[in-house]
């Protein structure tokens, strides 16, 4: 029996929870459970003295196993942020994806993928997952159901709104949730995009840069606005450079 699965599917042993295999290439085929050797039919035992043998060799029973299929989205850039940070809006603006957008938390209930068109007919894939809240690694909110999708992203784009009470603290909370879920996530390239920046003037941005340079240290950041189409070209440039560094 053949079972078609989407790219990014992981097969886990139901008893040990160990990863048995992963499907990461189109058209890839893997054998999960081998069937038993077939027996020989009665015609194999035909002879000159026994033209119609009445017996056959039974086959050998196949192997059995219990497995869990788990999907991890394959994307180049993963959007990370609290609910209502503007992730879905950004995805809808720079890709052709049409995620649900509304002015309340947890409008995104499943991962959304979009292809970002870049210069010279190049492109990369961006993924938007439900917003993460503090305690997601322990099962709070909806984000913990989808944290596994970020594991496959090459670059993480942290989206934090400009009207946040403390941008640096919000970033540290998000980073800590990823660290507690899987410390290896901190090895990925990171960029902070301060969304909804159309509500800021240059003077206020300059003041914020002084604080951010001090608090964020060497973490790169930039100001963008999905609605006002500000900084999006530069955002694509920086993401492309990070993906191809």
C-alpha atoms as a PDB file:
ATOM      1  CA  UNK A   1       0.000   0.000   0.000  1.00  0.00           C
ATOM      2  CA  UNK A   2       1.253   3.459  -0.940  1.00  0.00           C
ATOM      3  CA  UNK A   3       0.445   6.513   1.150  1.00  0.00           C
ATOM      4  CA  UNK A   4       0.951   9.975  -0.359  1.00  0.00           C
ATOM      5  CA  UNK A   5       2.123  12.589   2.150  1.00  0.00           C
ATOM      6  CA  UNK A   6       3.147  16.265   1.786  1.00  0.00           C
ATOM      7  CA  UNK A   7       6.752  17.387   1.885  1.00  0.00           C
ATOM      8  CA  UNK A   8       7.981  17.923   5.421  1.00  0.00           C
ATOM      9  CA  UNK A   9       6.223  14.853   6.828  1.00  0.00           C
ATOM     10  CA  UNK A  10       7.964  13.067   9.700  1.00  0.00           C
ATOM     11  CA  UNK A  11       7.252   9.485  10.729  1.00  0.00           C
ATOM     12  CA  UNK A  12       7.602   8.689  14.428  1.00  0.00           C
ATOM     13  CA  UNK A  13       7.482   5.357  16.219  1.00  0.00           C
ATOM     14  CA  UNK A  14       4.273   5.434  18.275  1.00  0.00           C
ATOM     15  CA  UNK A  15       5.916   3.664  21.227  1.00  0.00           C
ATOM     16  CA  UNK A  16       9.336   5.324  21.440  1.00  0.00           C
ATOM     17  CA  UNK A  17       8.447   8.643  19.719  1.00  0.00           C
ATOM     18  CA  UNK A  18      11.719   8.357  17.789  1.00  0.00           C
ATOM     19  CA  UNK A  19      11.884   9.783  14.264  1.00  0.00           C
ATOM     20  CA  UNK A  20      11.997   6.899  11.791  1.00  0.00           C
ATOM     21  CA  UNK A  21      12.188   8.885   8.562  1.00  0.00           C
ATOM     22  CA  UNK A  22      11.487  12.259   6.961  1.00  0.00           C
ATOM     23  CA  UNK A  23      10.152  13.166   3.529  1.00  0.00           C
ATOM     24  CA  UNK A  24      11.992  16.254   2.294  1.00  0.00           C
ATOM     25  CA  UNK A  25      12.186  15.789  -1.495  1.00  0.00           C
ATOM     26  CA  UNK A  26       9.446  15.619  -4.116  1.00  0.00           C
ATOM     27  CA  UNK A  27       8.829  12.076  -5.348  1.00  0.00           C
ATOM     28  CA  UNK A  28      10.814  10.526  -2.503  1.00  0.00           C
ATOM     29  CA  UNK A  29       9.697   7.010  -1.539  1.00  0.00           C
ATOM     30  CA  UNK A  30      10.388   5.210   1.736  1.00  0.00           C
ATOM     31  CA  UNK A  31       9.463   1.734   2.931  1.00  0.00           C
ATOM     32  CA  UNK A  32       7.937   1.839   6.403  1.00  0.00           C
ATOM     33  CA  UNK A  33       6.801  -1.742   6.954  1.00  0.00           C
ATOM     34  CA  UNK A  34       7.862  -4.610   4.724  1.00  0.00           C
ATOM     35  CA  UNK A  35       5.302  -7.116   3.588  1.00  0.00           C
ATOM     36  CA  UNK A  36       5.767 -10.840   4.108  1.00  0.00           C
ATOM     37  CA  UNK A  37       7.265 -13.137   1.510  1.00  0.00           C
ATOM     38  CA  UNK A  38       4.555 -14.570  -0.705  1.00  0.00           C
ATOM     39  CA  UNK A  39       3.984 -18.309  -0.801  1.00  0.00           C
ATOM     40  CA  UNK A  40       4.161 -20.459  -3.906  1.00  0.00           C
ATOM     41  CA  UNK A  41       0.937 -21.471  -5.603  1.00  0.00           C
ATOM     42  CA  UNK A  42      -0.074 -25.019  -6.484  1.00  0.00           C
ATOM     43  CA  UNK A  43       1.264 -24.712 -10.024  1.00  0.00           C
ATOM     44  CA  UNK A  44       4.813 -24.576  -8.590  1.00  0.00           C
ATOM     45  CA  UNK A  45       4.355 -28.133  -7.387  1.00  0.00           C
ATOM     46  CA  UNK A  46       3.090 -29.496 -10.674  1.00  0.00           C
ATOM     47  CA  UNK A  47       4.962 -32.580 -11.931  1.00  0.00           C
ATOM     48  CA  UNK A  48       4.548 -35.262 -14.611  1.00  0.00           C
ATOM     49  CA  UNK A  49       3.003 -37.550 -12.017  1.00  0.00           C
ATOM     50  CA  UNK A  50       0.886 -34.852 -10.336  1.00  0.00           C
ATOM     51  CA  UNK A  51      -0.665 -32.579 -12.932  1.00  0.00           C
ATOM     52  CA  UNK A  52      -3.154 -30.930 -10.540  1.00  0.00           C
ATOM     53  CA  UNK A  53      -1.590 -30.641  -7.094  1.00  0.00           C
ATOM     54  CA  UNK A  54      -4.085 -29.761  -4.384  1.00  0.00           C
ATOM     55  CA  UNK A  55      -1.748 -27.908  -2.051  1.00  0.00           C
ATOM     56  CA  UNK A  56       0.224 -24.635  -1.982  1.00  0.00           C
ATOM     57  CA  UNK A  57       2.860 -23.023   0.185  1.00  0.00           C
ATOM     58  CA  UNK A  58       1.467 -20.366   2.566  1.00  0.00           C
ATOM     59  CA  UNK A  59       3.156 -16.976   2.644  1.00  0.00           C
ATOM     60  CA  UNK A  60       5.037 -15.421   5.539  1.00  0.00           C
ATOM     61  CA  UNK A  61       3.241 -12.765   7.572  1.00  0.00           C
ATOM     62  CA  UNK A  62       4.436  -9.200   7.103  1.00  0.00           C
ATOM     63  CA  UNK A  63       5.816  -6.909   9.766  1.00  0.00           C
ATOM     64  CA  UNK A  64       3.559  -4.752  11.891  1.00  0.00           C
ATOM     65  CA  UNK A  65       4.112  -1.379  13.504  1.00  0.00           C
ATOM     66  CA  UNK A  66       2.348   1.664  14.897  1.00  0.00           C
ATOM     67  CA  UNK A  67       3.524   5.044  13.651  1.00  0.00           C
ATOM     68  CA  UNK A  68       2.571   8.709  13.923  1.00  0.00           C
ATOM     69  CA  UNK A  69       2.663  11.043  10.923  1.00  0.00           C
ATOM     70  CA  UNK A  70       3.661  14.601  11.782  1.00  0.00           C
ATOM     71  CA  UNK A  71       3.931  17.507   9.380  1.00  0.00           C
ATOM     72  CA  UNK A  72       6.584  20.193   9.713  1.00  0.00           C
ATOM     73  CA  UNK A  73       6.195  23.057   7.283  1.00  0.00           C
ATOM     74  CA  UNK A  74       9.114  23.564   4.889  1.00  0.00           C
ATOM     75  CA  UNK A  75       9.856  27.282   4.587  1.00  0.00           C
ATOM     76  CA  UNK A  76      12.918  29.512   4.306  1.00  0.00           C
ATOM     77  CA  UNK A  77      11.718  32.250   6.661  1.00  0.00           C
ATOM     78  CA  UNK A  78       9.530  31.740   9.717  1.00  0.00           C
ATOM     79  CA  UNK A  79       7.511  34.592  11.217  1.00  0.00           C
ATOM     80  CA  UNK A  80       7.680  34.680  15.009  1.00  0.00           C
ATOM     81  CA  UNK A  81       5.663  37.016  17.198  1.00  0.00           C
ATOM     82  CA  UNK A  82       2.909  37.502  19.717  1.00  0.00           C
ATOM     83  CA  UNK A  83      -0.729  37.378  18.576  1.00  0.00           C
ATOM     84  CA  UNK A  84      -1.820  40.460  16.634  1.00  0.00           C
ATOM     85  CA  UNK A  85       1.751  41.523  15.836  1.00  0.00           C
ATOM     86  CA  UNK A  86       0.951  41.903  12.148  1.00  0.00           C
ATOM     87  CA  UNK A  87       2.429  38.627  10.853  1.00  0.00           C
ATOM     88  CA  UNK A  88      -0.546  37.724   8.669  1.00  0.00           C
ATOM     89  CA  UNK A  89      -0.743  41.256   7.296  1.00  0.00           C
ATOM     90  CA  UNK A  90       2.927  41.169   6.321  1.00  0.00           C
ATOM     91  CA  UNK A  91       2.512  37.778   4.662  1.00  0.00           C
ATOM     92  CA  UNK A  92      -0.495  39.001   2.678  1.00  0.00           C
ATOM     93  CA  UNK A  93       1.376  42.098   1.491  1.00  0.00           C
ATOM     94  CA  UNK A  94       4.676  40.587   0.324  1.00  0.00           C
ATOM     95  CA  UNK A  95       3.242  37.286  -0.965  1.00  0.00           C
ATOM     96  CA  UNK A  96       0.093  36.137  -2.735  1.00  0.00           C
ATOM     97  CA  UNK A  97      -1.098  34.280   0.372  1.00  0.00           C
ATOM     98  CA  UNK A  98      -4.497  35.291   1.752  1.00  0.00           C
ATOM     99  CA  UNK A  99      -4.465  34.509   5.485  1.00  0.00           C
ATOM    100  CA  UNK A 100      -7.310  35.544   7.755  1.00  0.00           C
ATOM    101  CA  UNK A 101      -6.710  39.030   9.163  1.00  0.00           C
ATOM    102  CA  UNK A 102      -8.678  40.726  11.941  1.00  0.00           C
ATOM    103  CA  UNK A 103      -8.096  43.065  14.859  1.00  0.00           C
ATOM    104  CA  UNK A 104      -8.114  40.412  17.569  1.00  0.00           C
ATOM    105  CA  UNK A 105      -5.750  37.753  18.838  1.00  0.00           C
ATOM    106  CA  UNK A 106      -5.344  34.264  17.363  1.00  0.00           C
ATOM    107  CA  UNK A 107      -6.893  34.982  13.968  1.00  0.00           C
ATOM    108  CA  UNK A 108      -4.282  32.570  12.564  1.00  0.00           C
ATOM    109  CA  UNK A 109      -5.235  29.041  13.591  1.00  0.00           C
ATOM    110  CA  UNK A 110      -3.001  27.109  11.192  1.00  0.00           C
ATOM    111  CA  UNK A 111       0.338  27.729   9.445  1.00  0.00           C
ATOM    112  CA  UNK A 112       0.176  29.799   6.271  1.00  0.00           C
ATOM    113  CA  UNK A 113       2.796  29.689   3.532  1.00  0.00           C
ATOM    114  CA  UNK A 114       3.528  32.359   0.955  1.00  0.00           C
ATOM    115  CA  UNK A 115       6.119  32.752  -1.815  1.00  0.00           C
ATOM    116  CA  UNK A 116       8.015  36.030  -1.703  1.00  0.00           C
ATOM    117  CA  UNK A 117       8.898  37.194  -5.215  1.00  0.00           C
ATOM    118  CA  UNK A 118      12.404  38.669  -5.297  1.00  0.00           C
ATOM    119  CA  UNK A 119      14.611  40.303  -7.913  1.00  0.00           C
ATOM    120  CA  UNK A 120      15.554  38.553 -11.174  1.00  0.00           C
ATOM    121  CA  UNK A 121      12.746  35.991 -10.833  1.00  0.00           C
ATOM    122  CA  UNK A 122      14.129  34.650  -7.570  1.00  0.00           C
ATOM    123  CA  UNK A 123      11.893  33.744  -4.651  1.00  0.00           C
ATOM    124  CA  UNK A 124      11.792  32.296  -1.153  1.00  0.00           C
ATOM    125  CA  UNK A 125       9.086  30.835   1.071  1.00  0.00           C
ATOM    126  CA  UNK A 126       7.772  32.540   4.200  1.00  0.00           C
ATOM    127  CA  UNK A 127       5.674  30.833   6.881  1.00  0.00           C
ATOM    128  CA  UNK A 128       3.258  32.463   9.326  1.00  0.00           C
ATOM    129  CA  UNK A 129       2.279  30.431  12.394  1.00  0.00           C
ATOM    130  CA  UNK A 130      -0.238  31.221  15.152  1.00  0.00           C
ATOM    131  CA  UNK A 131       1.030  33.771  17.637  1.00  0.00           C
ATOM    132  CA  UNK A 132       3.216  32.632  20.505  1.00  0.00           C
ATOM    133  CA  UNK A 133       2.432  33.692  24.067  1.00  0.00           C
ATOM    134  CA  UNK A 134       4.563  33.430  27.183  1.00  0.00           C
ATOM    135  CA  UNK A 135       4.409  29.829  28.369  1.00  0.00           C
ATOM    136  CA  UNK A 136       3.823  28.381  24.883  1.00  0.00           C
ATOM    137  CA  UNK A 137       6.601  25.826  25.372  1.00  0.00           C
ATOM    138  CA  UNK A 138       4.585  24.409  28.290  1.00  0.00           C
ATOM    139  CA  UNK A 139       1.366  24.261  26.288  1.00  0.00           C
ATOM    140  CA  UNK A 140      -0.235  27.668  26.781  1.00  0.00           C
ATOM    141  CA  UNK A 141      -2.100  29.352  23.956  1.00  0.00           C
ATOM    142  CA  UNK A 142      -2.076  27.998  20.406  1.00  0.00           C
ATOM    143  CA  UNK A 143       1.534  28.584  19.405  1.00  0.00           C
ATOM    144  CA  UNK A 144       2.851  25.436  21.088  1.00  0.00           C
ATOM    145  CA  UNK A 145       0.962  23.316  18.541  1.00  0.00           C
ATOM    146  CA  UNK A 146       2.991  24.899  15.775  1.00  0.00           C
ATOM    147  CA  UNK A 147       6.415  25.593  17.283  1.00  0.00           C
ATOM    148  CA  UNK A 148       7.685  22.491  15.481  1.00  0.00           C
ATOM    149  CA  UNK A 149       7.162  24.240  12.136  1.00  0.00           C
ATOM    150  CA  UNK A 150       9.808  26.838  13.003  1.00  0.00           C
ATOM    151  CA  UNK A 151      12.428  24.085  13.398  1.00  0.00           C
ATOM    152  CA  UNK A 152      12.677  23.748   9.629  1.00  0.00           C
ATOM    153  CA  UNK A 153      13.102  27.474   8.861  1.00  0.00           C
ATOM    154  CA  UNK A 154      16.546  28.720   7.914  1.00  0.00           C
ATOM    155  CA  UNK A 155      15.883  32.277   9.134  1.00  0.00           C
ATOM    156  CA  UNK A 156      13.580  33.587  11.855  1.00  0.00           C
ATOM    157  CA  UNK A 157      11.892  36.960  11.420  1.00  0.00           C
ATOM    158  CA  UNK A 158      10.698  38.296  14.766  1.00  0.00           C
ATOM    159  CA  UNK A 159       7.802  40.685  14.268  1.00  0.00           C
ATOM    160  CA  UNK A 160       7.192  43.140  17.121  1.00  0.00           C
ATOM    161  CA  UNK A 161       4.776  46.088  16.816  1.00  0.00           C
ATOM    162  CA  UNK A 162       6.080  49.612  17.279  1.00  0.00           C
ATOM    163  CA  UNK A 163       3.488  50.302  19.979  1.00  0.00           C
ATOM    164  CA  UNK A 164       4.819  47.491  22.184  1.00  0.00           C
ATOM    165  CA  UNK A 165       5.447  48.509  25.790  1.00  0.00           C
ATOM    166  CA  UNK A 166       8.963  47.081  25.659  1.00  0.00           C
ATOM    167  CA  UNK A 167      10.314  45.807  22.331  1.00  0.00           C
ATOM    168  CA  UNK A 168      13.474  44.310  23.819  1.00  0.00           C
ATOM    169  CA  UNK A 169      11.580  42.468  26.548  1.00  0.00           C
ATOM    170  CA  UNK A 170       9.046  41.116  24.053  1.00  0.00           C
ATOM    171  CA  UNK A 171      11.888  39.818  21.899  1.00  0.00           C
ATOM    172  CA  UNK A 172      13.522  38.113  24.883  1.00  0.00           C
ATOM    173  CA  UNK A 173      10.234  36.414  25.835  1.00  0.00           C
ATOM    174  CA  UNK A 174       9.806  35.069  22.305  1.00  0.00           C
ATOM    175  CA  UNK A 175      13.420  33.936  22.193  1.00  0.00           C
ATOM    176  CA  UNK A 176      13.091  32.210  25.548  1.00  0.00           C
ATOM    177  CA  UNK A 177      10.032  30.257  24.376  1.00  0.00           C
ATOM    178  CA  UNK A 178      11.992  28.981  21.390  1.00  0.00           C
ATOM    179  CA  UNK A 179      14.952  28.152  23.634  1.00  0.00           C
ATOM    180  CA  UNK A 180      12.793  26.140  26.017  1.00  0.00           C
ATOM    181  CA  UNK A 181      11.093  24.297  23.164  1.00  0.00           C
ATOM    182  CA  UNK A 182      14.328  23.482  21.306  1.00  0.00           C
ATOM    183  CA  UNK A 183      17.666  25.177  22.127  1.00  0.00           C
ATOM    184  CA  UNK A 184      18.918  24.487  18.597  1.00  0.00           C
ATOM    185  CA  UNK A 185      16.505  27.133  17.299  1.00  0.00           C
ATOM    186  CA  UNK A 186      18.823  29.791  18.659  1.00  0.00           C
ATOM    187  CA  UNK A 187      21.434  28.750  16.092  1.00  0.00           C
ATOM    188  CA  UNK A 188      19.272  30.127  13.275  1.00  0.00           C
ATOM    189  CA  UNK A 189      19.789  33.529  11.706  1.00  0.00           C
ATOM    190  CA  UNK A 190      17.530  36.161  13.282  1.00  0.00           C
ATOM    191  CA  UNK A 191      16.129  39.525  12.242  1.00  0.00           C
ATOM    192  CA  UNK A 192      13.730  41.774  14.167  1.00  0.00           C
ATOM    193  CA  UNK A 193      11.168  43.732  12.171  1.00  0.00           C
ATOM    194  CA  UNK A 194       9.391  46.464  14.118  1.00  0.00           C
ATOM    195  CA  UNK A 195       5.976  46.500  12.478  1.00  0.00           C
ATOM    196  CA  UNK A 196       3.300  49.220  12.334  1.00  0.00           C
ATOM    197  CA  UNK A 197       6.080  51.816  12.129  1.00  0.00           C
ATOM    198  CA  UNK A 198       3.917  54.168  10.076  1.00  0.00           C
ATOM    199  CA  UNK A 199       2.727  55.516  13.443  1.00  0.00           C
ATOM    200  CA  UNK A 200       6.274  56.739  14.204  1.00  0.00           C
ATOM    201  CA  UNK A 201       8.040  59.858  12.948  1.00  0.00           C
ATOM    202  CA  UNK A 202      11.791  60.017  12.283  1.00  0.00           C
ATOM    203  CA  UNK A 203      12.557  61.729  15.573  1.00  0.00           C
ATOM    204  CA  UNK A 204      10.837  59.009  17.569  1.00  0.00           C
ATOM    205  CA  UNK A 205      12.565  56.300  15.500  1.00  0.00           C
ATOM    206  CA  UNK A 206      15.949  57.872  16.276  1.00  0.00           C
ATOM    207  CA  UNK A 207      15.155  57.838  19.987  1.00  0.00           C
ATOM    208  CA  UNK A 208      14.090  54.208  19.791  1.00  0.00           C
ATOM    209  CA  UNK A 209      17.255  53.254  17.897  1.00  0.00           C
ATOM    210  CA  UNK A 210      19.394  54.526  20.769  1.00  0.00           C
ATOM    211  CA  UNK A 211      17.591  52.238  23.223  1.00  0.00           C
ATOM    212  CA  UNK A 212      17.410  49.296  20.839  1.00  0.00           C
ATOM    213  CA  UNK A 213      21.124  49.466  19.999  1.00  0.00           C
ATOM    214  CA  UNK A 214      21.858  49.265  23.703  1.00  0.00           C
ATOM    215  CA  UNK A 215      19.338  46.546  24.596  1.00  0.00           C
ATOM    216  CA  UNK A 216      19.478  44.313  21.525  1.00  0.00           C
ATOM    217  CA  UNK A 217      23.239  44.525  21.173  1.00  0.00           C
ATOM    218  CA  UNK A 218      24.217  42.658  17.982  1.00  0.00           C
ATOM    219  CA  UNK A 219      20.744  41.538  16.903  1.00  0.00           C
ATOM    220  CA  UNK A 220      19.825  43.255  13.599  1.00  0.00           C
ATOM    221  CA  UNK A 221      16.520  45.113  13.454  1.00  0.00           C
ATOM    222  CA  UNK A 222      14.618  47.396  11.110  1.00  0.00           C
ATOM    223  CA  UNK A 223      11.399  49.421  10.991  1.00  0.00           C
ATOM    224  CA  UNK A 224       8.646  48.382   8.582  1.00  0.00           C
ATOM    225  CA  UNK A 225       4.978  49.024   7.884  1.00  0.00           C
ATOM    226  CA  UNK A 226       2.949  46.487   5.925  1.00  0.00           C
ATOM    227  CA  UNK A 227      -0.042  48.800   5.521  1.00  0.00           C
ATOM    228  CA  UNK A 228       2.014  51.812   4.405  1.00  0.00           C
ATOM    229  CA  UNK A 229       4.414  49.642   2.347  1.00  0.00           C
ATOM    230  CA  UNK A 230       7.421  51.062   4.196  1.00  0.00           C
ATOM    231  CA  UNK A 231      10.735  49.202   4.403  1.00  0.00           C
ATOM    232  CA  UNK A 232       9.441  46.079   2.646  1.00  0.00           C
ATOM    233  CA  UNK A 233      11.951  46.173  -0.214  1.00  0.00           C
ATOM    234  CA  UNK A 234      14.805  46.509   2.264  1.00  0.00           C
ATOM    235  CA  UNK A 235      13.266  43.681   4.304  1.00  0.00           C
ATOM    236  CA  UNK A 236      13.319  41.371   1.282  1.00  0.00           C
ATOM    237  CA  UNK A 237      16.917  42.365   0.542  1.00  0.00           C
ATOM    238  CA  UNK A 238      18.065  41.581   4.065  1.00  0.00           C
ATOM    239  CA  UNK A 239      16.205  38.283   4.228  1.00  0.00           C
ATOM    240  CA  UNK A 240      17.596  37.199   0.885  1.00  0.00           C
ATOM    241  CA  UNK A 241      21.117  38.093   2.009  1.00  0.00           C
ATOM    242  CA  UNK A 242      20.648  36.107   5.236  1.00  0.00           C
ATOM    243  CA  UNK A 243      19.331  33.077   3.358  1.00  0.00           C
ATOM    244  CA  UNK A 244      22.289  33.133   0.987  1.00  0.00           C
ATOM    245  CA  UNK A 245      25.030  34.117   3.431  1.00  0.00           C
END
